[in-house]
N, C-alpha and C. Protein backbone atom coordinates (compact mmCIF):
# COMPACT_ATOMS: atom_id res chain seq x y z
N MET A 1 74.98 103.21 110.84
CA MET A 1 75.80 103.46 109.68
C MET A 1 77.25 103.13 110.04
N ARG A 2 77.94 102.61 109.07
CA ARG A 2 79.35 102.29 109.28
C ARG A 2 80.22 103.39 108.68
N TYR A 3 81.29 103.69 109.42
CA TYR A 3 82.27 104.68 108.97
C TYR A 3 83.66 104.10 109.12
N LEU A 4 84.47 104.32 108.09
CA LEU A 4 85.87 103.94 108.11
C LEU A 4 86.68 105.20 108.40
N VAL A 5 87.47 105.17 109.45
CA VAL A 5 88.33 106.29 109.80
C VAL A 5 89.76 105.87 109.49
N THR A 6 90.44 106.66 108.66
CA THR A 6 91.83 106.38 108.36
C THR A 6 92.69 107.48 108.96
N LEU A 7 93.83 107.09 109.51
CA LEU A 7 94.75 108.03 110.14
C LEU A 7 96.00 108.15 109.27
N LYS A 8 96.36 109.39 108.95
CA LYS A 8 97.57 109.66 108.18
C LYS A 8 98.49 110.51 109.02
N VAL A 9 99.78 110.28 108.87
CA VAL A 9 100.76 111.08 109.60
C VAL A 9 101.59 111.86 108.59
N ALA A 10 101.78 113.16 108.88
CA ALA A 10 102.62 114.01 108.05
C ALA A 10 104.01 114.14 108.66
N ALA A 11 104.06 114.17 110.00
CA ALA A 11 105.34 114.28 110.71
C ALA A 11 105.17 113.73 112.11
N GLN A 12 106.17 113.03 112.57
CA GLN A 12 106.15 112.55 113.95
C GLN A 12 107.56 112.61 114.51
N PRO A 13 107.65 112.81 115.81
CA PRO A 13 108.97 112.85 116.44
C PRO A 13 109.71 111.53 116.29
N GLU A 14 111.02 111.60 116.44
CA GLU A 14 111.84 110.39 116.40
C GLU A 14 111.46 109.46 117.55
N GLY A 15 111.63 108.19 117.33
CA GLY A 15 111.38 107.22 118.39
C GLY A 15 109.94 106.77 118.44
N PRO A 16 109.69 105.82 119.32
CA PRO A 16 108.34 105.26 119.44
C PRO A 16 107.39 106.23 120.12
N PRO A 17 106.09 106.00 119.96
CA PRO A 17 105.11 106.84 120.65
C PRO A 17 105.29 106.73 122.16
N PRO A 18 104.99 107.81 122.89
CA PRO A 18 105.10 107.77 124.35
C PRO A 18 104.16 106.73 124.97
N ALA A 19 104.59 106.15 126.07
CA ALA A 19 103.79 105.12 126.75
C ALA A 19 102.43 105.66 127.18
N ASP A 20 102.37 106.92 127.65
CA ASP A 20 101.08 107.46 128.08
C ASP A 20 100.12 107.64 126.91
N LEU A 21 100.64 107.90 125.71
CA LEU A 21 99.79 107.96 124.52
C LEU A 21 99.22 106.58 124.22
N MET A 22 100.07 105.57 124.25
CA MET A 22 99.61 104.21 123.94
C MET A 22 98.56 103.76 124.96
N GLU A 23 98.76 104.10 126.23
CA GLU A 23 97.78 103.75 127.27
C GLU A 23 96.45 104.47 127.01
N ALA A 24 96.52 105.75 126.64
CA ALA A 24 95.30 106.51 126.37
C ALA A 24 94.57 105.97 125.14
N ILE A 25 95.32 105.57 124.12
CA ILE A 25 94.71 104.97 122.92
C ILE A 25 94.01 103.67 123.29
N PHE A 26 94.65 102.86 124.12
CA PHE A 26 94.06 101.60 124.55
C PHE A 26 92.75 101.85 125.30
N LYS A 27 92.75 102.82 126.21
CA LYS A 27 91.54 103.14 126.98
C LYS A 27 90.43 103.65 126.08
N LEU A 28 90.76 104.52 125.12
CA LEU A 28 89.76 105.02 124.19
C LEU A 28 89.18 103.87 123.37
N GLY A 29 90.03 102.96 122.93
CA GLY A 29 89.57 101.79 122.19
C GLY A 29 88.63 100.92 123.02
N GLN A 30 88.95 100.76 124.31
CA GLN A 30 88.07 100.01 125.20
C GLN A 30 86.71 100.68 125.32
N GLN A 31 86.71 102.00 125.49
CA GLN A 31 85.45 102.75 125.60
C GLN A 31 84.62 102.58 124.33
N ALA A 32 85.26 102.72 123.18
CA ALA A 32 84.55 102.62 121.91
C ALA A 32 84.01 101.21 121.70
N THR A 33 84.78 100.20 122.09
CA THR A 33 84.33 98.80 121.96
C THR A 33 83.18 98.51 122.89
N GLU A 34 83.31 98.94 124.16
CA GLU A 34 82.25 98.70 125.14
C GLU A 34 80.96 99.42 124.78
N SER A 35 81.05 100.56 124.11
CA SER A 35 79.85 101.29 123.69
C SER A 35 79.19 100.64 122.47
N GLY A 36 79.91 99.73 121.83
CA GLY A 36 79.39 99.08 120.62
C GLY A 36 79.73 99.84 119.35
N ALA A 37 80.45 100.94 119.46
CA ALA A 37 80.76 101.76 118.29
C ALA A 37 81.93 101.20 117.47
N LEU A 38 82.97 100.70 118.13
CA LEU A 38 84.17 100.24 117.43
C LEU A 38 84.03 98.77 117.03
N LEU A 39 84.06 98.52 115.72
CA LEU A 39 83.95 97.16 115.20
C LEU A 39 85.31 96.53 114.96
N ASP A 40 86.30 97.34 114.51
CA ASP A 40 87.62 96.81 114.18
C ASP A 40 88.60 97.97 114.07
N ASN A 41 89.85 97.72 114.36
CA ASN A 41 90.91 98.70 114.13
C ASN A 41 92.24 97.99 114.07
N SER A 42 93.20 98.65 113.39
CA SER A 42 94.53 98.07 113.30
C SER A 42 95.48 99.08 112.69
N GLY A 43 96.77 98.84 112.94
CA GLY A 43 97.79 99.64 112.28
C GLY A 43 98.06 99.08 110.89
N LEU A 44 98.67 99.89 110.06
CA LEU A 44 98.99 99.49 108.69
C LEU A 44 100.50 99.56 108.48
N ALA A 45 101.01 98.66 107.66
CA ALA A 45 102.43 98.67 107.30
C ALA A 45 102.72 99.91 106.45
N PRO A 46 103.98 100.33 106.39
CA PRO A 46 104.31 101.49 105.56
C PRO A 46 104.02 101.23 104.08
N SER A 47 103.82 102.32 103.33
CA SER A 47 103.48 102.19 101.91
C SER A 47 104.58 101.48 101.13
N SER A 48 105.80 101.45 101.66
CA SER A 48 106.88 100.73 100.98
C SER A 48 106.58 99.24 100.86
N GLU A 49 105.68 98.74 101.69
CA GLU A 49 105.32 97.32 101.64
C GLU A 49 104.04 97.08 100.85
N GLY A 50 103.50 98.13 100.23
CA GLY A 50 102.23 98.01 99.52
C GLY A 50 102.39 98.17 98.02
N ALA A 51 101.25 98.21 97.36
CA ALA A 51 101.20 98.42 95.91
C ALA A 51 99.98 99.30 95.61
N ARG A 52 100.02 99.96 94.48
CA ARG A 52 98.89 100.77 94.02
C ARG A 52 98.41 100.19 92.70
N VAL A 53 97.10 99.97 92.60
CA VAL A 53 96.47 99.51 91.37
C VAL A 53 95.63 100.68 90.87
N GLU A 54 95.92 101.16 89.66
CA GLU A 54 95.20 102.33 89.17
C GLU A 54 94.92 102.22 87.68
N VAL A 55 93.94 103.01 87.25
CA VAL A 55 93.61 103.11 85.83
C VAL A 55 93.92 104.53 85.40
N SER A 56 94.69 104.66 84.35
CA SER A 56 95.05 105.96 83.80
C SER A 56 95.16 105.80 82.29
N GLY A 57 94.50 106.69 81.55
CA GLY A 57 94.56 106.60 80.09
C GLY A 57 93.98 105.30 79.56
N GLY A 58 93.01 104.73 80.28
CA GLY A 58 92.39 103.49 79.85
C GLY A 58 93.21 102.24 80.12
N ARG A 59 94.33 102.38 80.84
CA ARG A 59 95.19 101.23 81.13
C ARG A 59 95.27 101.01 82.62
N LEU A 60 95.28 99.75 83.01
CA LEU A 60 95.44 99.37 84.40
C LEU A 60 96.93 99.16 84.66
N THR A 61 97.43 99.79 85.72
CA THR A 61 98.83 99.62 86.08
C THR A 61 98.94 99.29 87.56
N VAL A 62 100.00 98.58 87.90
CA VAL A 62 100.29 98.24 89.29
C VAL A 62 101.69 98.78 89.60
N SER A 63 101.78 99.55 90.68
CA SER A 63 103.06 100.12 91.09
C SER A 63 103.34 99.70 92.53
N ASP A 64 104.56 99.27 92.79
CA ASP A 64 104.96 98.97 94.16
C ASP A 64 105.28 100.27 94.89
N GLY A 65 105.04 100.26 96.23
CA GLY A 65 105.39 101.40 97.06
C GLY A 65 106.89 101.50 97.21
N PRO A 66 107.40 102.51 97.86
CA PRO A 66 106.65 103.54 98.58
C PRO A 66 106.07 104.57 97.63
N PHE A 67 105.09 105.30 98.13
CA PHE A 67 104.41 106.31 97.34
C PHE A 67 104.91 107.69 97.76
N ALA A 68 104.83 108.63 96.86
CA ALA A 68 105.45 109.94 97.06
C ALA A 68 104.60 110.92 97.87
N GLU A 69 103.42 110.52 98.35
CA GLU A 69 102.59 111.45 99.11
C GLU A 69 103.35 111.94 100.35
N ALA A 70 103.01 113.13 100.78
CA ALA A 70 103.65 113.70 101.97
C ALA A 70 103.12 113.05 103.24
N LYS A 71 101.98 112.37 103.17
CA LYS A 71 101.39 111.76 104.35
C LYS A 71 101.33 110.26 104.17
N GLU A 72 101.61 109.54 105.25
CA GLU A 72 101.61 108.08 105.23
C GLU A 72 100.38 107.57 105.96
N LEU A 73 99.61 106.71 105.31
CA LEU A 73 98.45 106.08 105.93
C LEU A 73 98.96 105.06 106.93
N ILE A 74 98.58 105.21 108.23
CA ILE A 74 99.19 104.36 109.25
C ILE A 74 98.22 103.46 110.01
N SER A 75 96.92 103.80 110.01
CA SER A 75 95.97 102.93 110.72
C SER A 75 94.55 103.20 110.27
N TYR A 76 93.65 102.32 110.70
CA TYR A 76 92.24 102.50 110.40
C TYR A 76 91.42 102.05 111.60
N ALA A 77 90.17 102.53 111.62
CA ALA A 77 89.19 102.06 112.59
C ALA A 77 87.84 102.00 111.89
N LEU A 78 87.06 100.99 112.20
CA LEU A 78 85.74 100.82 111.62
C LEU A 78 84.71 100.98 112.73
N TYR A 79 83.83 101.96 112.57
CA TYR A 79 82.81 102.27 113.57
C TYR A 79 81.41 102.00 113.04
N GLU A 80 80.54 101.59 113.93
CA GLU A 80 79.10 101.45 113.66
C GLU A 80 78.42 102.45 114.59
N VAL A 81 77.94 103.56 114.02
CA VAL A 81 77.36 104.65 114.81
C VAL A 81 76.07 105.14 114.15
N ARG A 82 75.34 105.99 114.85
CA ARG A 82 74.07 106.51 114.33
C ARG A 82 74.24 107.65 113.34
N THR A 83 75.31 108.46 113.51
CA THR A 83 75.47 109.64 112.67
C THR A 83 76.93 109.86 112.30
N LYS A 84 77.13 110.67 111.27
CA LYS A 84 78.49 111.06 110.89
C LYS A 84 79.15 111.83 112.03
N GLU A 85 78.38 112.66 112.71
CA GLU A 85 78.92 113.46 113.80
C GLU A 85 79.50 112.58 114.92
N GLU A 86 78.85 111.45 115.17
CA GLU A 86 79.35 110.52 116.18
C GLU A 86 80.70 109.92 115.73
N ALA A 87 80.80 109.57 114.46
CA ALA A 87 82.07 109.05 113.93
C ALA A 87 83.16 110.11 114.00
N VAL A 88 82.82 111.35 113.67
CA VAL A 88 83.78 112.45 113.74
C VAL A 88 84.23 112.65 115.19
N GLU A 89 83.32 112.51 116.14
CA GLU A 89 83.68 112.67 117.55
C GLU A 89 84.71 111.62 117.98
N TRP A 90 84.49 110.34 117.63
CA TRP A 90 85.46 109.30 117.97
C TRP A 90 86.81 109.60 117.32
N ALA A 91 86.81 109.98 116.04
CA ALA A 91 88.06 110.28 115.33
C ALA A 91 88.76 111.48 115.97
N SER A 92 87.99 112.49 116.34
CA SER A 92 88.57 113.69 116.96
C SER A 92 89.22 113.36 118.30
N ARG A 93 88.57 112.52 119.06
CA ARG A 93 89.14 112.12 120.35
C ARG A 93 90.47 111.40 120.15
N PHE A 94 90.53 110.53 119.13
CA PHE A 94 91.75 109.79 118.84
C PHE A 94 92.88 110.72 118.42
N VAL A 95 92.59 111.64 117.50
CA VAL A 95 93.61 112.58 117.02
C VAL A 95 94.02 113.53 118.15
N ARG A 96 93.08 113.94 118.99
CA ARG A 96 93.37 114.83 120.11
C ARG A 96 94.39 114.18 121.06
N LEU A 97 94.28 112.88 121.27
CA LEU A 97 95.26 112.19 122.12
C LEU A 97 96.67 112.38 121.59
N HIS A 98 96.82 112.25 120.27
CA HIS A 98 98.14 112.44 119.67
C HIS A 98 98.63 113.87 119.85
N LEU A 99 97.74 114.81 119.62
CA LEU A 99 98.10 116.23 119.77
C LEU A 99 98.53 116.54 121.20
N ASP A 100 97.77 116.03 122.16
CA ASP A 100 98.05 116.34 123.57
C ASP A 100 99.23 115.58 124.16
N LEU A 101 99.45 114.34 123.69
CA LEU A 101 100.41 113.47 124.37
C LEU A 101 101.70 113.19 123.59
N TRP A 102 101.79 113.68 122.35
CA TRP A 102 103.00 113.44 121.56
C TRP A 102 103.42 114.74 120.87
N PRO A 103 104.11 115.64 121.59
CA PRO A 103 104.52 116.91 121.01
C PRO A 103 105.29 116.71 119.71
N GLY A 104 104.92 117.47 118.70
CA GLY A 104 105.57 117.38 117.41
C GLY A 104 104.85 116.49 116.41
N TRP A 105 103.89 115.68 116.89
CA TRP A 105 103.13 114.82 115.98
C TRP A 105 102.18 115.66 115.15
N GLN A 106 102.12 115.38 113.85
CA GLN A 106 101.18 116.06 112.96
C GLN A 106 100.53 115.03 112.07
N GLY A 107 99.21 115.08 111.98
CA GLY A 107 98.50 114.13 111.14
C GLY A 107 97.07 114.53 110.94
N GLU A 108 96.31 113.63 110.36
CA GLU A 108 94.90 113.89 110.09
C GLU A 108 94.15 112.57 110.01
N ALA A 109 92.83 112.67 110.17
CA ALA A 109 91.97 111.49 110.05
C ALA A 109 90.88 111.79 109.03
N ASP A 110 90.59 110.85 108.16
CA ASP A 110 89.47 110.95 107.24
C ASP A 110 88.35 110.07 107.78
N VAL A 111 87.13 110.58 107.77
CA VAL A 111 85.95 109.85 108.23
C VAL A 111 85.09 109.60 107.00
N LEU A 112 84.99 108.33 106.59
CA LEU A 112 84.33 107.96 105.33
C LEU A 112 83.19 107.00 105.59
N ARG A 113 82.00 107.33 105.10
CA ARG A 113 80.85 106.45 105.28
C ARG A 113 80.96 105.26 104.35
N LEU A 114 80.65 104.09 104.88
CA LEU A 114 80.62 102.86 104.09
C LEU A 114 79.17 102.55 103.74
N PHE A 115 78.92 102.17 102.53
CA PHE A 115 77.59 101.78 102.11
C PHE A 115 77.46 100.27 102.22
N GLY A 116 76.29 99.83 102.61
CA GLY A 116 76.00 98.40 102.71
C GLY A 116 74.94 98.01 101.72
N PRO A 117 74.59 96.73 101.70
CA PRO A 117 73.58 96.25 100.76
C PRO A 117 72.26 97.00 100.88
N GLU A 118 71.90 97.41 102.10
CA GLU A 118 70.64 98.12 102.29
C GLU A 118 70.61 99.47 101.55
N ASP A 119 71.78 100.03 101.27
CA ASP A 119 71.84 101.30 100.57
C ASP A 119 71.57 101.15 99.07
N PHE A 120 71.63 99.93 98.58
CA PHE A 120 71.47 99.70 97.15
C PHE A 120 70.27 98.80 96.84
N ALA A 121 69.45 98.55 97.83
CA ALA A 121 68.28 97.69 97.63
C ALA A 121 67.27 98.41 96.74
N PRO A 122 66.61 97.66 95.86
CA PRO A 122 65.57 98.29 95.02
C PRO A 122 64.40 98.73 95.90
N PRO A 123 63.71 99.80 95.50
CA PRO A 123 62.57 100.26 96.29
C PRO A 123 61.50 99.18 96.39
N ALA A 124 60.84 99.15 97.53
CA ALA A 124 59.80 98.13 97.76
C ALA A 124 58.50 98.51 97.07
């Protein structure tokens, strides 16, 4: 099963992430890739560089960022794992690195299952 993990930040200290955090993230990514679990990951530009497409009141509207949410979506990872618990474990390890290695960082990760064609195939 594929899971999309998104990372949001609510607050982070001034300045760039510590070097030991970046090294630990790199090592965790290597482990996840070598295990076959990590398919893709990347950072995301700030919402000020994005747009929102939404339907409200039967009308489609497009709004340029930034968006007023208290949390900024900053990265994603795509995993291929056997269970949701396995995806949650990878996400927890990633967030734990931030907690342990970057004092003052606050954020969260959402673990979302992706459906594929096999999930919508007609019964045989």
